Protein backbone atom coordinates (compact mmCIF):
# COMPACT_ATOMS: atom_id res chain seq x y z
CA MET A 1 90.79 -28.22 171.02
CA ASN A 2 89.67 -24.84 169.72
CA LYS A 3 90.81 -21.50 170.92
CA GLU A 4 88.28 -18.80 171.75
CA LYS A 5 89.14 -15.40 173.23
CA GLY A 6 92.50 -16.71 174.44
CA ILE A 7 91.01 -19.57 176.45
CA SER A 8 91.59 -23.14 175.32
CA LYS A 9 88.48 -25.26 175.08
CA ALA A 10 89.55 -28.52 176.69
CA PRO A 11 86.70 -31.04 176.74
CA GLY A 12 86.92 -33.49 179.59
CA ILE A 13 89.51 -31.58 181.62
CA LEU A 14 88.46 -31.63 185.25
CA PRO A 15 88.20 -28.33 187.14
CA VAL A 16 90.46 -27.27 190.00
CA SER A 17 88.03 -26.45 192.78
CA ARG A 18 90.35 -25.40 195.58
CA THR A 19 91.26 -21.71 195.81
CA LYS A 20 94.80 -20.42 195.49
CA GLU A 21 94.77 -19.43 199.13
CA GLU A 22 93.83 -23.01 200.03
CA ALA A 23 96.64 -24.26 197.79
CA LYS A 24 99.13 -21.92 199.43
CA ARG A 25 98.16 -23.05 202.92
CA SER A 26 98.35 -26.70 201.88
CA TYR A 27 101.82 -26.41 200.32
CA ASP A 28 103.09 -24.32 203.22
CA ARG A 29 101.91 -27.07 205.57
CA ILE A 30 103.56 -29.95 203.71
CA SER A 31 106.68 -28.13 202.48
CA ARG A 32 108.99 -29.88 204.96
CA TYR A 33 107.72 -33.30 203.89
CA TYR A 34 107.08 -32.62 200.20
CA ASP A 35 110.20 -34.39 198.92
CA TYR A 36 109.21 -37.59 200.68
CA LEU A 37 105.72 -37.39 199.19
CA THR A 38 106.53 -36.60 195.56
CA TRP A 39 110.21 -36.52 194.60
CA ALA A 40 110.53 -40.27 193.98
CA PHE A 41 107.48 -39.97 191.71
CA GLU A 42 108.61 -36.86 189.85
CA ARG A 43 112.42 -36.99 189.80
CA LYS A 44 113.05 -39.14 186.72
CA TYR A 45 110.74 -37.14 184.46
CA ALA A 46 111.81 -33.72 185.75
CA GLU A 47 115.44 -34.62 185.08
CA ILE A 48 114.63 -35.84 181.56
CA ALA A 49 112.75 -32.61 180.86
CA LEU A 50 115.72 -30.54 182.07
CA GLU A 51 118.03 -32.49 179.79
CA ARG A 52 115.74 -31.84 176.83
CA LEU A 53 115.59 -28.13 177.69
CA SER A 54 119.39 -28.00 177.15
CA ILE A 55 120.23 -25.19 179.58
CA VAL A 56 123.78 -23.92 179.10
CA GLU A 57 126.22 -21.76 181.01
CA GLY A 58 125.44 -18.06 181.09
CA GLU A 59 121.71 -18.32 180.41
CA THR A 60 118.92 -16.63 182.33
CA VAL A 61 116.29 -19.19 183.31
CA LEU A 62 112.96 -19.13 185.18
CA GLU A 63 111.35 -22.05 186.98
CA ILE A 64 107.63 -21.79 187.68
CA GLY A 65 106.50 -23.80 190.71
CA PHE A 66 109.98 -24.63 192.01
CA GLY A 67 108.73 -26.46 195.11
CA THR A 68 111.62 -27.53 197.33
CA GLY A 69 114.18 -26.38 194.77
CA ARG A 70 115.73 -29.62 193.55
CA CYS A 71 115.34 -28.73 189.88
CA LEU A 72 116.14 -25.10 190.51
CA LYS A 73 119.43 -26.20 192.10
CA ARG A 74 120.27 -28.22 188.98
CA ILE A 75 119.47 -25.22 186.81
CA ALA A 76 121.75 -23.03 188.95
CA GLU A 77 124.55 -25.56 188.50
CA SER A 78 124.03 -25.60 184.71
CA ILE A 79 124.09 -21.84 184.17
CA GLY A 80 127.26 -21.28 186.23
CA GLN A 81 128.48 -17.99 187.62
CA MET A 82 127.69 -16.05 184.45
CA GLY A 83 124.03 -17.04 184.43
CA LYS A 84 121.03 -16.30 186.63
CA VAL A 85 118.12 -18.45 187.75
CA TYR A 86 114.79 -17.08 188.93
CA GLY A 87 111.98 -18.98 190.59
CA ILE A 88 108.36 -18.28 191.46
CA ASP A 89 106.15 -20.40 193.69
CA ILE A 90 102.87 -19.76 195.47
CA SER A 91 104.16 -21.20 198.76
CA SER A 92 106.39 -19.23 201.14
CA GLY A 93 107.12 -22.51 202.93
CA MET A 94 108.53 -23.98 199.72
CA MET A 95 110.58 -20.83 199.17
CA GLU A 96 112.23 -21.15 202.58
CA ILE A 97 113.17 -24.79 201.89
CA THR A 98 114.60 -23.81 198.51
CA LYS A 99 116.61 -20.91 199.96
CA LYS A 100 118.26 -23.26 202.44
CA ARG A 101 119.01 -25.80 199.71
CA LEU A 102 120.67 -23.18 197.53
CA GLU A 103 122.62 -21.67 200.43
CA LYS A 104 123.92 -25.10 201.45
CA ALA A 105 125.09 -25.70 197.86
CA GLY A 106 126.72 -22.27 197.61
CA LEU A 107 124.37 -21.26 194.79
CA ALA A 108 122.16 -18.65 196.46
CA LYS A 109 124.01 -15.67 194.95
CA GLY A 110 122.99 -16.61 191.43
CA ALA A 111 119.32 -17.19 192.27
CA GLU A 112 116.36 -14.90 192.86
CA LEU A 113 113.15 -16.31 194.33
CA TYR A 114 109.64 -14.89 194.38
CA CYS A 115 106.50 -15.95 196.21
CA GLY A 116 103.64 -15.29 193.82
CA ASP A 117 101.22 -16.38 191.11
CA ALA A 118 102.51 -17.45 187.68
CA ALA A 119 99.32 -16.13 186.07
CA SER A 120 100.86 -12.67 186.59
CA LEU A 121 104.64 -12.93 186.39
CA PRO A 122 106.62 -10.04 187.96
CA PHE A 123 109.27 -9.97 185.21
CA ASP A 124 109.98 -7.76 182.21
CA ASP A 125 109.29 -8.83 178.64
CA ASN A 126 111.99 -10.80 176.80
CA THR A 127 113.95 -11.61 179.97
CA PHE A 128 114.57 -15.37 179.87
CA ASP A 129 116.38 -17.78 177.60
CA ALA A 130 114.32 -20.66 178.99
CA VAL A 131 111.36 -21.34 181.29
CA PHE A 132 110.84 -24.66 183.08
CA ILE A 133 107.51 -25.94 184.48
CA SER A 134 107.55 -29.34 186.18
CA PHE A 135 104.31 -30.86 187.51
CA THR A 136 102.84 -27.40 188.00
CA LEU A 137 100.86 -26.41 184.90
CA GLU A 138 98.21 -29.03 185.71
CA LEU A 139 97.62 -27.34 189.09
CA PHE A 140 96.05 -24.30 187.40
CA ASP A 141 92.36 -24.34 186.60
CA THR A 142 91.60 -24.73 182.89
CA PRO A 143 90.81 -21.05 182.11
CA GLU A 144 94.10 -20.03 183.76
CA ILE A 145 96.40 -22.32 181.78
CA PRO A 146 96.34 -20.04 178.69
CA LYS A 147 97.06 -17.06 180.97
CA VAL A 148 100.13 -18.77 182.45
CA LEU A 149 101.39 -19.71 178.98
CA GLU A 150 100.74 -16.17 177.72
CA GLN A 151 102.85 -14.88 180.60
CA THR A 152 105.69 -17.31 179.86
CA LYS A 153 105.60 -16.23 176.22
CA ARG A 154 105.81 -12.60 177.27
CA VAL A 155 108.86 -13.05 179.51
CA LEU A 156 110.70 -15.41 177.15
CA LYS A 157 113.09 -13.97 174.59
CA PRO A 158 112.19 -14.58 170.93
CA GLY A 159 113.40 -18.10 170.21
CA GLY A 160 113.50 -18.90 173.93
CA ARG A 161 112.57 -22.40 175.09
CA LEU A 162 109.76 -23.62 177.31
CA GLY A 163 109.99 -27.04 178.94
CA VAL A 164 106.89 -28.61 180.50
CA VAL A 165 106.46 -31.97 182.20
CA SER A 166 102.92 -32.79 183.28
CA MET A 167 100.25 -35.40 183.73
CA SER A 168 98.53 -35.90 180.39
CA LYS A 169 94.92 -36.25 179.31
CA GLU A 170 95.97 -37.38 175.85
CA ASN A 171 95.42 -41.07 176.58
CA GLY A 172 91.93 -40.54 177.95
CA GLU A 173 91.00 -44.22 177.78
CA SER A 174 93.55 -45.38 180.35
CA ILE A 175 91.84 -47.14 183.26
CA PHE A 176 94.44 -45.70 185.64
CA LEU A 177 93.71 -42.22 184.33
CA LYS A 178 89.99 -42.70 184.89
CA LEU A 179 90.65 -43.98 188.42
CA TYR A 180 92.89 -41.00 189.18
CA GLU A 181 90.26 -38.57 187.87
CA TRP A 182 87.64 -40.25 190.04
CA ILE A 183 89.90 -39.68 193.07
CA HIS A 184 90.42 -36.06 192.04
CA ASN A 185 86.65 -35.57 191.78
CA LYS A 186 86.14 -37.22 195.17
CA TRP A 187 88.86 -35.30 197.07
CA PRO A 188 89.74 -32.26 194.91
CA LYS A 189 91.33 -30.26 197.71
CA TYR A 190 93.79 -33.04 198.52
CA VAL A 191 94.43 -34.45 195.04
CA ASP A 192 94.53 -31.06 193.34
CA CYS A 193 96.45 -31.80 190.14
CA ARG A 194 94.78 -33.50 187.19
CA PRO A 195 95.70 -34.50 183.63
CA ILE A 196 95.67 -31.82 180.93
CA TYR A 197 96.36 -31.57 177.19
CA VAL A 198 99.95 -30.33 177.39
CA GLU A 199 101.10 -30.19 173.76
CA GLN A 200 97.83 -28.72 172.48
CA SER A 201 97.82 -26.07 175.21
CA LEU A 202 101.27 -24.92 174.07
CA ILE A 203 100.22 -24.91 170.42
CA ASP A 204 97.12 -22.85 171.31
CA ALA A 205 99.40 -20.37 173.09
CA GLY A 206 101.45 -19.86 169.91
CA TYR A 207 104.47 -22.01 170.70
CA GLN A 208 106.23 -24.17 168.15
CA ILE A 209 106.75 -27.71 169.43
CA LYS A 210 110.36 -28.83 169.29
CA SER A 211 109.98 -32.26 170.89
CA LYS A 212 107.40 -34.33 172.74
CA GLU A 213 107.70 -37.56 174.70
CA LYS A 214 104.97 -39.66 176.23
CA VAL A 215 105.88 -41.08 179.63
CA LYS A 216 104.27 -43.25 182.28
CA LEU A 217 103.96 -41.83 185.77
CA PHE A 218 103.30 -45.00 187.73
CA ARG A 219 100.94 -46.08 184.91
CA LEU A 220 99.44 -42.62 184.59
CA PRO A 221 100.08 -40.94 181.23
CA GLY A 222 102.38 -37.94 181.12
CA GLU A 223 104.04 -35.67 178.58
CA ILE A 224 107.41 -33.97 178.35
CA VAL A 225 107.15 -31.15 175.83
CA ILE A 226 109.85 -28.71 174.73
CA ALA A 227 108.58 -25.72 172.78
CA VAL A 228 110.03 -22.56 171.26
CA ASN A 229 108.73 -19.02 171.60
CA THR A 230 107.84 -17.76 168.14
CA ILE A 231 106.72 -14.58 166.43
CA PHE A 232 104.15 -14.92 163.63
CA GLY A 233 104.62 -18.70 163.69
CA ASN A 234 108.35 -18.71 162.87
CA ILE A 235 111.33 -19.23 165.13
CA VAL A 236 113.20 -15.96 165.51
């Protein structure tokens, strides 16, 4: 892919046709049932990505697209009382589920949740030691992915880590990938996520790749990528 005016050129990446307001209404509607629909599918890979991100006690961490808060709860447990976890999600319904999960676990005091758009993060520069994005980056339309990654770079400290787990376009010849993309084209407002070039998107945004793993999401290709925020191409 080539980079032009801050927007990655990603040939073959399908568009996201539903609006953000439509997405918000959809996730609000299914928030109470979301775990039953997706957690069995996503859990293994989200947990691997969190392990690779190596969050430690006392860190300040952001999760983008926290959903029902299962990963955010694990982050809160990892950072302990000296750390702080922040989350942003487009769905107020998801936020309410997450609040209850954290309160039940006794972790609400160390967490701060926002309902909003990750393309414009409401945080100061150089705030976070790590940012985690699990099965969320592929929900943004292609021109917005560089904007989200630019925002994560802004709020990360120099040398801070970004962990992304996502469906992947890298193995574009997979028959299961082609079938999934056909379904996405047929019902884009219901099957709103689609495979993207994860590693290359992070490289285009100026990140240095620390590790990358290819995974299979029920025969669909996926990537777990850990990257480091850099200045002038070098880790600070």
